[in-house]
Structure formats: C-alpha cells, structure tokens
C-alpha cells in the first residue's frame, strides 16, 4: 500500500555529502510517495543583491541536499527509480550570481590563467508561479524580461559504494550535481544502488537553467517537491538514466567534456541495444542519426552531458519493467500538491 511521507529538514539537518555512512533521515518503501522541502544552493543565506555568497556562506557548506532516504529492500546491484511528480518553488524570489574562479567563462583552479577573477555579483529574480515566469532584472541598467518558469533539480543521487563520501557539488556515476535541465517534473531518474537502502538525497532546485549552467549558478530556489519511489530488483544501472513520456536519456559526468559526452552516448547505445535487441553497431548507427546531446553543466568539478533519443523511434520498448508509467500513475493518485 502506498504511504505518503513528508520531510522538511531544519538547517542543521541539511546534508552536504552523498554517502560516507550518513544515517538516513527517513525510511520509505518502494511504491511510496515523498513530499520533501529542499533549500537552495546557498542554504537560504543569499536573500538579496547585497548578500555576496563568499561573505554569507561558508565553504564547504554549499549545495545542501535533503536526505539521505533509506529505501527498504534496496541492495547493491538493484536500480532505484525516482519519479518527479512535481517541483514547485517554495518562495516568491530566487537568486543567481557570478563567482570569482567559478563558471565556464573564467579561469578556475582546474583552468589556471593569469586573468583577474570575475566580479562577484548577485541577481534577484521575482518568481511568479501563477503566471509561470521568473523575472530577470539587469544590475547595471533598467533592462528586465520575463523567462518561462521551468523548475528542475540540479542535484539528486545515491550513496557511492565502498563507504565513499562525495561532496554534493560533484557529479559522477552516483548522480550528484548533474545540473541537467532535463531533470524536471514528469521525468523518472534511475540510479544503480551501491549500498543497502540506496540512501538517496536531492536538492539544488532551479527555477530554470540554461544549457551548460555557463555562469556556474542557475536561478537558485528552495523547492517543494513530490517524488514517487520504486525499486527494480536485480537490475544494475551503470550511470544515471532519465525517462520521460517521450524520451530515454543517459548521462555522463567527467572532465574533459568530450569524455562526459562519450560516457552518455556509450550508455545510451548499450541501453537502446538491450531494450530493442539491436546488435551494437546497429544501435550505434540509430543513436548516431536519431540522438540528441543536451548539455548539463560545464562548470562543476565534473562536467555533465546527456544523450537522448525519442521513444517514438523505439516501438514497443518498456524500460525497467515499465517503472516510469507505473510511478506516473502512483504520482497522479497520491502525489498531487
């Protein structure tokens, strides 16, 4: 029987790592629904244009997540499925910024240059859920424009294996800070389980984000999110995968960017081949001509690429025993705001 859980962490309960033998904050069963509050990447400390992140935030306490949540019955070698029923901004404002030595168009610790660091600057956005927009206001002129509201979670993942602890800002095979705009409501994400209980967590809500998160910071917001949970026993998943009503998507996170691209494409070729029975080169050819490659991030310690293909080109396939359709049904019945 489906049970609906609610979790809103206090500031002291926010987590900043995946794994590392963290104790779970809640236990859920496959088929349950979780209503969870997540704080923004600054932990709510940046509230206006005068709140510079380097002054009001303390490293490494950035990019907090809510969790971890223990899924009863999950064991290494299984696959965890999380369906995002809804992602709704929790406040009527959001913030973004530029950081010294962070982002795609500045020198960083990994791309060392002699140019001066970028100016640290904060932008505050108006969030209008009813109108479905966020309002951008330039800092050095009176320019303003409405952008479509497109909520997503930049960070979601499970505990890595071998008692490893990873900062939430780092994306890898366990998920983490993938920053893919494709991770929006209506999408199911699949993770390989590395430890008993899976120990998944989520955070880093974005009201919207451009491809690549080029400045390093999206329109960052606290979120009220509804997630439906499932478990596929005895089926492994090497890298996080997404499924929507229309597409299958594989992710890859690495540096350099071309390796992240290769990981995502390699995984999608293998996934499609397994679902369709196509021989490897036949699957490779199909993805080569029908696939897309949306960019997740080019600013985090690892970059993230996504490889996608429309399910219309893959007739009669059913991924992960129909988990997406099953969770979508559970979400519609139990997960409404």
C-alpha atoms as a PDB file:
ATOM      1  CA  UNK A   1       0.000   0.000   0.000  1.00  0.00           C
ATOM      2  CA  UNK A   2       1.294   3.455  -0.925  1.00  0.00           C
ATOM      3  CA  UNK A   3       2.302   5.638   2.006  1.00  0.00           C
ATOM      4  CA  UNK A   4       2.866   9.385   1.669  1.00  0.00           C
ATOM      5  CA  UNK A   5       5.774  10.795   3.697  1.00  0.00           C
ATOM      6  CA  UNK A   6       6.591  14.442   4.395  1.00  0.00           C
ATOM      7  CA  UNK A   7      10.069  15.697   5.214  1.00  0.00           C
ATOM      8  CA  UNK A   8      11.221  19.284   5.840  1.00  0.00           C
ATOM      9  CA  UNK A   9      14.733  19.481   7.262  1.00  0.00           C
ATOM     10  CA  UNK A  10      15.920  22.085   9.722  1.00  0.00           C
ATOM     11  CA  UNK A  11      19.097  23.936   8.713  1.00  0.00           C
ATOM     12  CA  UNK A  12      21.074  21.598  10.984  1.00  0.00           C
ATOM     13  CA  UNK A  13      19.653  18.543   9.185  1.00  0.00           C
ATOM     14  CA  UNK A  14      20.809  19.580   5.703  1.00  0.00           C
ATOM     15  CA  UNK A  15      23.457  17.305   4.203  1.00  0.00           C
ATOM     16  CA  UNK A  16      26.479  18.291   2.129  1.00  0.00           C
ATOM     17  CA  UNK A  17      27.739  14.887   1.024  1.00  0.00           C
ATOM     18  CA  UNK A  18      26.479  11.705  -0.571  1.00  0.00           C
ATOM     19  CA  UNK A  19      27.495   8.563   1.284  1.00  0.00           C
ATOM     20  CA  UNK A  20      30.166   8.427   3.924  1.00  0.00           C
ATOM     21  CA  UNK A  21      27.995   6.267   6.210  1.00  0.00           C
ATOM     22  CA  UNK A  22      25.473   9.057   6.796  1.00  0.00           C
ATOM     23  CA  UNK A  23      22.479   7.957   8.848  1.00  0.00           C
ATOM     24  CA  UNK A  24      19.141   8.021   6.980  1.00  0.00           C
ATOM     25  CA  UNK A  25      16.617  10.675   7.949  1.00  0.00           C
ATOM     26  CA  UNK A  26      13.623   8.579   6.865  1.00  0.00           C
ATOM     27  CA  UNK A  27      12.807   5.080   5.631  1.00  0.00           C
ATOM     28  CA  UNK A  28      10.463   4.532   2.696  1.00  0.00           C
ATOM     29  CA  UNK A  29       9.141   1.529   0.792  1.00  0.00           C
ATOM     30  CA  UNK A  30       9.051   1.017  -2.969  1.00  0.00           C
ATOM     31  CA  UNK A  31       5.779   2.500  -4.190  1.00  0.00           C
ATOM     32  CA  UNK A  32       5.757   5.249  -1.543  1.00  0.00           C
ATOM     33  CA  UNK A  33       5.494   8.974  -2.243  1.00  0.00           C
ATOM     34  CA  UNK A  34       7.749  11.552  -0.602  1.00  0.00           C
ATOM     35  CA  UNK A  35       6.905  15.231  -0.181  1.00  0.00           C
ATOM     36  CA  UNK A  36      10.187  16.970   0.544  1.00  0.00           C
ATOM     37  CA  UNK A  37      11.389  20.532   1.042  1.00  0.00           C
ATOM     38  CA  UNK A  38      14.811  21.399  -0.353  1.00  0.00           C
ATOM     39  CA  UNK A  39      16.815  24.530   0.342  1.00  0.00           C
ATOM     40  CA  UNK A  40      18.615  26.468  -2.405  1.00  0.00           C
ATOM     41  CA  UNK A  41      22.310  26.024  -3.140  1.00  0.00           C
ATOM     42  CA  UNK A  42      23.185  28.811  -0.698  1.00  0.00           C
ATOM     43  CA  UNK A  43      21.183  27.297   2.144  1.00  0.00           C
ATOM     44  CA  UNK A  44      18.878  30.334   2.057  1.00  0.00           C
ATOM     45  CA  UNK A  45      21.699  32.679   3.125  1.00  0.00           C
ATOM     46  CA  UNK A  46      21.687  34.776  -0.076  1.00  0.00           C
ATOM     47  CA  UNK A  47      18.434  36.755   0.072  1.00  0.00           C
ATOM     48  CA  UNK A  48      19.275  39.958  -1.793  1.00  0.00           C
ATOM     49  CA  UNK A  49      21.802  41.571  -4.119  1.00  0.00           C
ATOM     50  CA  UNK A  50      23.987  42.739  -1.222  1.00  0.00           C
ATOM     51  CA  UNK A  51      24.441  39.204   0.153  1.00  0.00           C
ATOM     52  CA  UNK A  52      27.632  38.111  -1.556  1.00  0.00           C
ATOM     53  CA  UNK A  53      27.952  34.309  -1.285  1.00  0.00           C
ATOM     54  CA  UNK A  54      31.612  34.428  -0.247  1.00  0.00           C
ATOM     55  CA  UNK A  55      30.605  36.618   2.704  1.00  0.00           C
ATOM     56  CA  UNK A  56      27.374  34.949   3.868  1.00  0.00           C
ATOM     57  CA  UNK A  57      28.168  31.286   3.050  1.00  0.00           C
ATOM     58  CA  UNK A  58      30.897  29.081   4.493  1.00  0.00           C
ATOM     59  CA  UNK A  59      32.757  26.595   2.292  1.00  0.00           C
ATOM     60  CA  UNK A  60      32.212  23.618   2.092  1.00  0.00           C
ATOM     61  CA  UNK A  61      28.648  24.195   3.309  1.00  0.00           C
ATOM     62  CA  UNK A  62      27.199  24.893  -0.130  1.00  0.00           C
ATOM     63  CA  UNK A  63      24.720  22.971  -2.268  1.00  0.00           C
ATOM     64  CA  UNK A  64      22.798  21.278   0.592  1.00  0.00           C
ATOM     65  CA  UNK A  65      20.547  18.285  -0.011  1.00  0.00           C
ATOM     66  CA  UNK A  66      17.610  16.822   1.876  1.00  0.00           C
ATOM     67  CA  UNK A  67      18.196  13.229   2.927  1.00  0.00           C
ATOM     68  CA  UNK A  68      19.501  10.622   2.785  1.00  0.00           C
ATOM     69  CA  UNK A  69      16.385   8.478   2.499  1.00  0.00           C
ATOM     70  CA  UNK A  70      16.644   4.722   3.050  1.00  0.00           C
ATOM     71  CA  UNK A  71      14.658   2.565   0.618  1.00  0.00           C
ATOM     72  CA  UNK A  72      13.671  -0.691   2.266  1.00  0.00           C
ATOM     73  CA  UNK A  73      14.839  -3.715   0.281  1.00  0.00           C
ATOM     74  CA  UNK A  74      17.388  -1.849  -1.848  1.00  0.00           C
ATOM     75  CA  UNK A  75      20.672  -3.727  -2.247  1.00  0.00           C
ATOM     76  CA  UNK A  76      23.796  -3.312  -4.382  1.00  0.00           C
ATOM     77  CA  UNK A  77      23.025  -4.483  -7.905  1.00  0.00           C
ATOM     78  CA  UNK A  78      19.453  -3.116  -7.846  1.00  0.00           C
ATOM     79  CA  UNK A  79      18.184   0.032  -9.550  1.00  0.00           C
ATOM     80  CA  UNK A  80      16.417   2.854  -7.724  1.00  0.00           C
ATOM     81  CA  UNK A  81      13.728   4.726  -9.668  1.00  0.00           C
ATOM     82  CA  UNK A  82      12.594   8.203  -8.602  1.00  0.00           C
ATOM     83  CA  UNK A  83       9.724   9.868 -10.447  1.00  0.00           C
ATOM     84  CA  UNK A  84       9.452  13.638 -10.082  1.00  0.00           C
ATOM     85  CA  UNK A  85       5.726  14.264  -9.756  1.00  0.00           C
ATOM     86  CA  UNK A  86       6.023  17.996  -9.137  1.00  0.00           C
ATOM     87  CA  UNK A  87       8.719  20.593  -8.417  1.00  0.00           C
ATOM     88  CA  UNK A  88       7.328  23.885  -7.110  1.00  0.00           C
ATOM     89  CA  UNK A  89       9.239  26.974  -5.949  1.00  0.00           C
ATOM     90  CA  UNK A  90       8.771  27.472  -2.207  1.00  0.00           C
ATOM     91  CA  UNK A  91       9.354  31.254  -2.251  1.00  0.00           C
ATOM     92  CA  UNK A  92       8.402  34.182  -4.483  1.00  0.00           C
ATOM     93  CA  UNK A  93      12.043  35.022  -5.140  1.00  0.00           C
ATOM     94  CA  UNK A  94      15.194  33.307  -6.303  1.00  0.00           C
ATOM     95  CA  UNK A  95      18.813  34.334  -6.746  1.00  0.00           C
ATOM     96  CA  UNK A  96      21.749  33.835  -9.064  1.00  0.00           C
ATOM     97  CA  UNK A  97      25.322  35.069  -9.035  1.00  0.00           C
ATOM     98  CA  UNK A  98      28.736  35.140 -10.569  1.00  0.00           C
ATOM     99  CA  UNK A  99      31.643  33.795  -8.517  1.00  0.00           C
ATOM    100  CA  UNK A 100      35.358  34.503  -8.685  1.00  0.00           C
ATOM    101  CA  UNK A 101      37.082  31.462 -10.227  1.00  0.00           C
ATOM    102  CA  UNK A 102      33.842  29.557 -10.904  1.00  0.00           C
ATOM    103  CA  UNK A 103      31.899  29.144 -14.139  1.00  0.00           C
ATOM    104  CA  UNK A 104      32.575  28.269 -17.755  1.00  0.00           C
ATOM    105  CA  UNK A 105      33.971  31.631 -18.895  1.00  0.00           C
ATOM    106  CA  UNK A 106      36.580  32.379 -16.247  1.00  0.00           C
ATOM    107  CA  UNK A 107      39.842  30.960 -15.022  1.00  0.00           C
ATOM    108  CA  UNK A 108      39.456  28.287 -12.327  1.00  0.00           C
ATOM    109  CA  UNK A 109      41.691  26.113 -10.183  1.00  0.00           C
ATOM    110  CA  UNK A 110      41.500  23.480 -12.958  1.00  0.00           C
ATOM    111  CA  UNK A 111      41.950  26.020 -15.780  1.00  0.00           C
ATOM    112  CA  UNK A 112      44.634  28.258 -14.394  1.00  0.00           C
ATOM    113  CA  UNK A 113      45.083  31.622 -16.138  1.00  0.00           C
ATOM    114  CA  UNK A 114      46.643  34.962 -15.209  1.00  0.00           C
ATOM    115  CA  UNK A 115      43.452  36.941 -15.810  1.00  0.00           C
ATOM    116  CA  UNK A 116      41.788  38.564 -12.777  1.00  0.00           C
ATOM    117  CA  UNK A 117      38.807  36.745 -11.226  1.00  0.00           C
ATOM    118  CA  UNK A 118      35.276  37.677 -12.191  1.00  0.00           C
ATOM    119  CA  UNK A 119      33.436  40.221 -10.090  1.00  0.00           C
ATOM    120  CA  UNK A 120      31.164  38.609  -7.531  1.00  0.00           C
ATOM    121  CA  UNK A 121      27.631  39.839  -8.233  1.00  0.00           C
ATOM    122  CA  UNK A 122      24.133  38.714  -7.199  1.00  0.00           C
ATOM    123  CA  UNK A 123      20.884  38.937  -9.155  1.00  0.00           C
ATOM    124  CA  UNK A 124      17.486  38.589  -7.509  1.00  0.00           C
ATOM    125  CA  UNK A 125      14.617  37.145  -9.551  1.00  0.00           C
ATOM    126  CA  UNK A 126      10.888  37.526  -8.959  1.00  0.00           C
ATOM    127  CA  UNK A 127       9.181  34.127  -9.036  1.00  0.00           C
ATOM    128  CA  UNK A 128       5.555  34.131 -10.183  1.00  0.00           C
ATOM    129  CA  UNK A 129       4.273  30.557 -10.046  1.00  0.00           C
ATOM    130  CA  UNK A 130       0.733  31.529 -11.071  1.00  0.00           C
ATOM    131  CA  UNK A 131       1.987  33.277 -14.211  1.00  0.00           C
ATOM    132  CA  UNK A 132       4.615  30.601 -14.849  1.00  0.00           C
ATOM    133  CA  UNK A 133       7.511  33.049 -15.144  1.00  0.00           C
ATOM    134  CA  UNK A 134      10.642  34.327 -13.421  1.00  0.00           C
ATOM    135  CA  UNK A 135      11.563  37.981 -13.911  1.00  0.00           C
ATOM    136  CA  UNK A 136      15.173  38.874 -14.664  1.00  0.00           C
ATOM    137  CA  UNK A 137      16.412  42.345 -13.712  1.00  0.00           C
ATOM    138  CA  UNK A 138      19.779  43.595 -15.007  1.00  0.00           C
ATOM    139  CA  UNK A 139      22.027  45.084 -12.322  1.00  0.00           C
ATOM    140  CA  UNK A 140      23.629  47.847 -14.409  1.00  0.00           C
ATOM    141  CA  UNK A 141      20.599  49.057 -16.378  1.00  0.00           C
ATOM    142  CA  UNK A 142      16.800  49.101 -16.213  1.00  0.00           C
ATOM    143  CA  UNK A 143      16.506  46.107 -18.563  1.00  0.00           C
ATOM    144  CA  UNK A 144      14.034  43.442 -17.388  1.00  0.00           C
ATOM    145  CA  UNK A 145      12.467  40.418 -19.051  1.00  0.00           C
ATOM    146  CA  UNK A 146      10.191  37.509 -18.149  1.00  0.00           C
ATOM    147  CA  UNK A 147      11.567  33.988 -18.640  1.00  0.00           C
ATOM    148  CA  UNK A 148       9.452  30.821 -18.548  1.00  0.00           C
ATOM    149  CA  UNK A 149       9.423  29.022 -15.205  1.00  0.00           C
ATOM    150  CA  UNK A 150      10.903  25.542 -15.758  1.00  0.00           C
ATOM    151  CA  UNK A 151      11.694  24.040 -12.314  1.00  0.00           C
ATOM    152  CA  UNK A 152      14.268  21.274 -12.029  1.00  0.00           C
ATOM    153  CA  UNK A 153      16.629  19.718  -9.503  1.00  0.00           C
ATOM    154  CA  UNK A 154      20.314  20.209 -10.156  1.00  0.00           C
ATOM    155  CA  UNK A 155      21.370  17.653  -7.565  1.00  0.00           C
ATOM    156  CA  UNK A 156      19.977  14.174  -6.910  1.00  0.00           C
ATOM    157  CA  UNK A 157      21.789  10.930  -6.317  1.00  0.00           C
ATOM    158  CA  UNK A 158      22.530   7.892  -4.189  1.00  0.00           C
ATOM    159  CA  UNK A 159      25.411   6.947  -1.901  1.00  0.00           C
ATOM    160  CA  UNK A 160      28.562   5.804  -3.722  1.00  0.00           C
ATOM    161  CA  UNK A 161      29.953   2.385  -2.900  1.00  0.00           C
ATOM    162  CA  UNK A 162      32.790   1.332  -0.581  1.00  0.00           C
ATOM    163  CA  UNK A 163      31.819   3.850   2.136  1.00  0.00           C
ATOM    164  CA  UNK A 164      32.993   6.648  -0.128  1.00  0.00           C
ATOM    165  CA  UNK A 165      31.833  10.195   0.634  1.00  0.00           C
ATOM    166  CA  UNK A 166      31.373  12.691  -2.209  1.00  0.00           C
ATOM    167  CA  UNK A 167      30.639  16.395  -1.904  1.00  0.00           C
ATOM    168  CA  UNK A 168      27.197  17.219  -3.241  1.00  0.00           C
ATOM    169  CA  UNK A 169      28.690  19.592  -5.813  1.00  0.00           C
ATOM    170  CA  UNK A 170      30.461  16.732  -7.639  1.00  0.00           C
ATOM    171  CA  UNK A 171      28.525  14.703 -10.256  1.00  0.00           C
ATOM    172  CA  UNK A 172      29.618  11.156 -11.059  1.00  0.00           C
ATOM    173  CA  UNK A 173      28.170   7.680 -11.579  1.00  0.00           C
ATOM    174  CA  UNK A 174      26.177   8.004  -8.337  1.00  0.00           C
ATOM    175  CA  UNK A 175      24.409  11.114  -9.661  1.00  0.00           C
ATOM    176  CA  UNK A 176      25.076  14.235  -7.626  1.00  0.00           C
ATOM    177  CA  UNK A 177      25.255  17.739  -9.081  1.00  0.00           C
ATOM    178  CA  UNK A 178      24.446  16.860 -12.685  1.00  0.00           C
ATOM    179  CA  UNK A 179      22.642  20.175 -13.296  1.00  0.00           C
ATOM    180  CA  UNK A 180      20.639  18.832 -16.229  1.00  0.00           C
ATOM    181  CA  UNK A 181      17.539  20.877 -17.171  1.00  0.00           C
ATOM    182  CA  UNK A 182      16.020  17.566 -18.309  1.00  0.00           C
ATOM    183  CA  UNK A 183      15.531  16.583 -14.643  1.00  0.00           C
ATOM    184  CA  UNK A 184      12.122  18.242 -14.345  1.00  0.00           C
ATOM    185  CA  UNK A 185       8.626  17.183 -13.256  1.00  0.00           C
ATOM    186  CA  UNK A 186       7.290  14.231 -15.238  1.00  0.00           C
ATOM    187  CA  UNK A 187      10.716  12.582 -15.506  1.00  0.00           C
ATOM    188  CA  UNK A 188      11.857   9.339 -13.880  1.00  0.00           C
ATOM    189  CA  UNK A 189      15.539   9.038 -12.967  1.00  0.00           C
ATOM    190  CA  UNK A 190      17.265   5.667 -12.491  1.00  0.00           C
ATOM    191  CA  UNK A 191      20.324   5.074 -10.282  1.00  0.00           C
ATOM    192  CA  UNK A 192      22.396   1.985  -9.673  1.00  0.00           C
ATOM    193  CA  UNK A 193      22.242   1.048  -5.973  1.00  0.00           C
ATOM    194  CA  UNK A 194      25.674   0.872  -4.314  1.00  0.00           C
ATOM    195  CA  UNK A 195      24.809   0.368  -0.626  1.00  0.00           C
ATOM    196  CA  UNK A 196      21.934  -1.144   1.315  1.00  0.00           C
ATOM    197  CA  UNK A 197      18.978   1.235   1.277  1.00  0.00           C
ATOM    198  CA  UNK A 198      20.380   3.245  -1.662  1.00  0.00           C
ATOM    199  CA  UNK A 199      20.466   6.374   0.581  1.00  0.00           C
ATOM    200  CA  UNK A 200      19.224   8.884  -1.956  1.00  0.00           C
ATOM    201  CA  UNK A 201      19.081  12.645  -1.447  1.00  0.00           C
ATOM    202  CA  UNK A 202      18.089  15.674  -3.501  1.00  0.00           C
ATOM    203  CA  UNK A 203      18.417  19.443  -3.549  1.00  0.00           C
ATOM    204  CA  UNK A 204      19.739  22.379  -5.597  1.00  0.00           C
ATOM    205  CA  UNK A 205      16.389  23.436  -7.041  1.00  0.00           C
ATOM    206  CA  UNK A 206      16.471  25.725 -10.079  1.00  0.00           C
ATOM    207  CA  UNK A 207      13.536  27.813 -11.294  1.00  0.00           C
ATOM    208  CA  UNK A 208      15.211  27.495 -14.657  1.00  0.00           C
ATOM    209  CA  UNK A 209      18.674  26.990 -16.090  1.00  0.00           C
ATOM    210  CA  UNK A 210      20.270  27.490 -19.463  1.00  0.00           C
ATOM    211  CA  UNK A 211      22.119  24.590 -21.077  1.00  0.00           C
ATOM    212  CA  UNK A 212      25.565  24.188 -19.546  1.00  0.00           C
ATOM    213  CA  UNK A 213      24.861  26.382 -16.483  1.00  0.00           C
ATOM    214  CA  UNK A 214      27.515  28.594 -18.048  1.00  0.00           C
ATOM    215  CA  UNK A 215      27.828  31.119 -15.177  1.00  0.00           C
ATOM    216  CA  UNK A 216      28.031  28.274 -12.650  1.00  0.00           C
ATOM    217  CA  UNK A 217      24.823  29.382 -10.926  1.00  0.00           C
ATOM    218  CA  UNK A 218      21.247  28.930 -12.160  1.00  0.00           C
ATOM    219  CA  UNK A 219      18.085  30.659 -10.874  1.00  0.00           C
ATOM    220  CA  UNK A 220      18.509  29.085  -7.452  1.00  0.00           C
ATOM    221  CA  UNK A 221      15.426  28.443  -5.304  1.00  0.00           C
ATOM    222  CA  UNK A 222      14.044  26.438  -2.424  1.00  0.00           C
ATOM    223  CA  UNK A 223      11.561  23.836  -3.662  1.00  0.00           C
ATOM    224  CA  UNK A 224       8.602  21.781  -2.522  1.00  0.00           C
ATOM    225  CA  UNK A 225       8.996  18.541  -4.428  1.00  0.00           C
ATOM    226  CA  UNK A 226       6.916  15.379  -4.705  1.00  0.00           C
ATOM    227  CA  UNK A 227       8.773  12.162  -5.606  1.00  0.00           C
ATOM    228  CA  UNK A 228       7.404   8.650  -6.169  1.00  0.00           C
ATOM    229  CA  UNK A 229       9.861   5.851  -5.303  1.00  0.00           C
ATOM    230  CA  UNK A 230      10.345   2.408  -6.840  1.00  0.00           C
ATOM    231  CA  UNK A 231      12.935  -0.345  -6.849  1.00  0.00           C
ATOM    232  CA  UNK A 232      13.889  -2.705  -9.676  1.00  0.00           C
ATOM    233  CA  UNK A 233      15.500  -5.762  -8.113  1.00  0.00           C
ATOM    234  CA  UNK A 234      18.497  -7.463  -9.683  1.00  0.00           C
ATOM    235  CA  UNK A 235      18.895  -4.904 -12.474  1.00  0.00           C
ATOM    236  CA  UNK A 236      22.011  -2.754 -12.479  1.00  0.00           C
ATOM    237  CA  UNK A 237      22.399   0.752 -13.922  1.00  0.00           C
ATOM    238  CA  UNK A 238      25.945   1.974 -14.650  1.00  0.00           C
ATOM    239  CA  UNK A 239      25.205   5.721 -14.967  1.00  0.00           C
ATOM    240  CA  UNK A 240      22.124   7.771 -14.074  1.00  0.00           C
ATOM    241  CA  UNK A 241      19.400   7.485 -16.703  1.00  0.00           C
ATOM    242  CA  UNK A 242      16.261   9.565 -17.256  1.00  0.00           C
ATOM    243  CA  UNK A 243      12.952   8.626 -18.826  1.00  0.00           C
ATOM    244  CA  UNK A 244      10.123  10.953 -19.820  1.00  0.00           C
ATOM    245  CA  UNK A 245       6.930  10.180 -21.674  1.00  0.00           C
ATOM    246  CA  UNK A 246       8.752  10.995 -24.921  1.00  0.00           C
ATOM    247  CA  UNK A 247      12.466  10.227 -24.414  1.00  0.00           C
ATOM    248  CA  UNK A 248      15.135   7.957 -22.997  1.00  0.00           C
ATOM    249  CA  UNK A 249      18.230   9.778 -21.693  1.00  0.00           C
ATOM    250  CA  UNK A 250      21.642   8.663 -20.438  1.00  0.00           C
ATOM    251  CA  UNK A 251      24.084  10.837 -18.526  1.00  0.00           C
ATOM    252  CA  UNK A 252      27.847  11.003 -18.275  1.00  0.00           C
ATOM    253  CA  UNK A 253      29.922  13.127 -15.884  1.00  0.00           C
ATOM    254  CA  UNK A 254      33.663  13.624 -16.277  1.00  0.00           C
ATOM    255  CA  UNK A 255      36.389  16.004 -17.368  1.00  0.00           C
ATOM    256  CA  UNK A 256      37.178  16.754 -20.140  1.00  0.00           C
ATOM    257  CA  UNK A 257      33.744  17.451 -21.620  1.00  0.00           C
ATOM    258  CA  UNK A 258      34.258  15.044 -24.516  1.00  0.00           C
ATOM    259  CA  UNK A 259      34.625  12.159 -22.056  1.00  0.00           C
ATOM    260  CA  UNK A 260      31.306  13.095 -20.435  1.00  0.00           C
ATOM    261  CA  UNK A 261      29.844  13.116 -23.952  1.00  0.00           C
ATOM    262  CA  UNK A 262      31.321   9.686 -24.721  1.00  0.00           C
ATOM    263  CA  UNK A 263      30.057   8.154 -21.464  1.00  0.00           C
ATOM    264  CA  UNK A 264      26.495   9.335 -22.084  1.00  0.00           C
ATOM    265  CA  UNK A 265      26.488   8.219 -25.720  1.00  0.00           C
ATOM    266  CA  UNK A 266      28.067   4.846 -24.880  1.00  0.00           C
ATOM    267  CA  UNK A 267      25.471   4.221 -22.173  1.00  0.00           C
ATOM    268  CA  UNK A 268      22.551   5.156 -24.425  1.00  0.00           C
ATOM    269  CA  UNK A 269      23.806   2.869 -27.220  1.00  0.00           C
ATOM    270  CA  UNK A 270      24.013  -0.024 -24.759  1.00  0.00           C
ATOM    271  CA  UNK A 271      20.630   0.762 -23.169  1.00  0.00           C
ATOM    272  CA  UNK A 272      18.842   1.005 -26.514  1.00  0.00           C
ATOM    273  CA  UNK A 273      20.560  -2.127 -27.780  1.00  0.00           C
ATOM    274  CA  UNK A 274      19.421  -4.054 -24.713  1.00  0.00           C
ATOM    275  CA  UNK A 275      15.823  -2.824 -24.998  1.00  0.00           C
ATOM    276  CA  UNK A 276      15.470  -3.422 -28.741  1.00  0.00           C
ATOM    277  CA  UNK A 277      17.727  -6.439 -29.278  1.00  0.00           C
ATOM    278  CA  UNK A 278      19.750  -4.445 -31.802  1.00  0.00           C
ATOM    279  CA  UNK A 279      23.350  -5.516 -32.354  1.00  0.00           C
ATOM    280  CA  UNK A 280      25.854  -2.967 -31.023  1.00  0.00           C
ATOM    281  CA  UNK A 281      26.750  -1.272 -34.307  1.00  0.00           C
ATOM    282  CA  UNK A 282      23.104  -1.188 -35.404  1.00  0.00           C
ATOM    283  CA  UNK A 283      22.213   0.539 -32.123  1.00  0.00           C
ATOM    284  CA  UNK A 284      25.198   2.877 -32.567  1.00  0.00           C
ATOM    285  CA  UNK A 285      24.013   3.801 -36.047  1.00  0.00           C
ATOM    286  CA  UNK A 286      20.465   4.503 -34.848  1.00  0.00           C
ATOM    287  CA  UNK A 287      21.618   6.746 -31.986  1.00  0.00           C
ATOM    288  CA  UNK A 288      24.106   8.430 -34.306  1.00  0.00           C
ATOM    289  CA  UNK A 289      21.288   9.588 -36.570  1.00  0.00           C
ATOM    290  CA  UNK A 290      18.346   9.974 -34.164  1.00  0.00           C
ATOM    291  CA  UNK A 291      20.026  11.053 -30.917  1.00  0.00           C
ATOM    292  CA  UNK A 292      20.413  14.441 -29.278  1.00  0.00           C
ATOM    293  CA  UNK A 293      23.057  15.669 -26.819  1.00  0.00           C
ATOM    294  CA  UNK A 294      21.753  18.280 -24.360  1.00  0.00           C
ATOM    295  CA  UNK A 295      24.415  19.800 -22.117  1.00  0.00           C
ATOM    296  CA  UNK A 296      24.036  19.561 -18.349  1.00  0.00           C
ATOM    297  CA  UNK A 297      26.876  21.571 -16.834  1.00  0.00           C
ATOM    298  CA  UNK A 298      30.314  22.822 -17.901  1.00  0.00           C
ATOM    299  CA  UNK A 299      31.217  24.409 -14.564  1.00  0.00           C
ATOM    300  CA  UNK A 300      31.240  21.754 -11.823  1.00  0.00           C
ATOM    301  CA  UNK A 301      34.260  19.654 -10.750  1.00  0.00           C
ATOM    302  CA  UNK A 302      32.988  17.134 -13.315  1.00  0.00           C
ATOM    303  CA  UNK A 303      31.049  18.218 -16.401  1.00  0.00           C
ATOM    304  CA  UNK A 304      27.777  16.508 -17.352  1.00  0.00           C
ATOM    305  CA  UNK A 305      26.400  15.585 -20.774  1.00  0.00           C
ATOM    306  CA  UNK A 306      23.103  13.913 -21.636  1.00  0.00           C
ATOM    307  CA  UNK A 307      22.408  11.646 -24.620  1.00  0.00           C
ATOM    308  CA  UNK A 308      18.744  11.318 -25.586  1.00  0.00           C
ATOM    309  CA  UNK A 309      16.552   9.591 -28.128  1.00  0.00           C
ATOM    310  CA  UNK A 310      12.829   9.841 -28.757  1.00  0.00           C
ATOM    311  CA  UNK A 311      10.879   6.749 -27.746  1.00  0.00           C
ATOM    312  CA  UNK A 312       8.864   7.098 -30.964  1.00  0.00           C
ATOM    313  CA  UNK A 313      11.889   5.620 -32.747  1.00  0.00           C
ATOM    314  CA  UNK A 314      11.894   2.611 -30.387  1.00  0.00           C
ATOM    315  CA  UNK A 315       8.492   0.975 -30.843  1.00  0.00           C
ATOM    316  CA  UNK A 316       7.187  -1.403 -28.163  1.00  0.00           C
ATOM    317  CA  UNK A 317      10.059  -0.940 -25.700  1.00  0.00           C
ATOM    318  CA  UNK A 318       9.496  -0.978 -21.944  1.00  0.00           C
ATOM    319  CA  UNK A 319      12.388   0.234 -19.791  1.00  0.00           C
ATOM    320  CA  UNK A 320      12.886  -1.076 -16.250  1.00  0.00           C
ATOM    321  CA  UNK A 321       9.730  -3.201 -16.236  1.00  0.00           C
ATOM    322  CA  UNK A 322       7.534  -0.194 -17.018  1.00  0.00           C
ATOM    323  CA  UNK A 323       8.650   1.738 -13.924  1.00  0.00           C
ATOM    324  CA  UNK A 324       8.054   5.168 -15.479  1.00  0.00           C
ATOM    325  CA  UNK A 325       4.427   4.508 -16.334  1.00  0.00           C
ATOM    326  CA  UNK A 326       3.819   2.782 -13.012  1.00  0.00           C
ATOM    327  CA  UNK A 327       5.295   5.654 -10.994  1.00  0.00           C
ATOM    328  CA  UNK A 328       3.499   8.245 -13.056  1.00  0.00           C
ATOM    329  CA  UNK A 329       0.246   6.534 -12.096  1.00  0.00           C
ATOM    330  CA  UNK A 330       1.177   6.479  -8.404  1.00  0.00           C
ATOM    331  CA  UNK A 331       2.109  10.137  -8.582  1.00  0.00           C
ATOM    332  CA  UNK A 332      -1.178  11.130 -10.134  1.00  0.00           C
ATOM    333  CA  UNK A 333      -3.122   9.273  -7.450  1.00  0.00           C
ATOM    334  CA  UNK A 334      -1.141  10.193  -4.333  1.00  0.00           C
ATOM    335  CA  UNK A 335       1.287  12.940  -5.159  1.00  0.00           C
ATOM    336  CA  UNK A 336      -0.820  15.949  -6.041  1.00  0.00           C
ATOM    337  CA  UNK A 337       0.042  19.203  -4.299  1.00  0.00           C
END
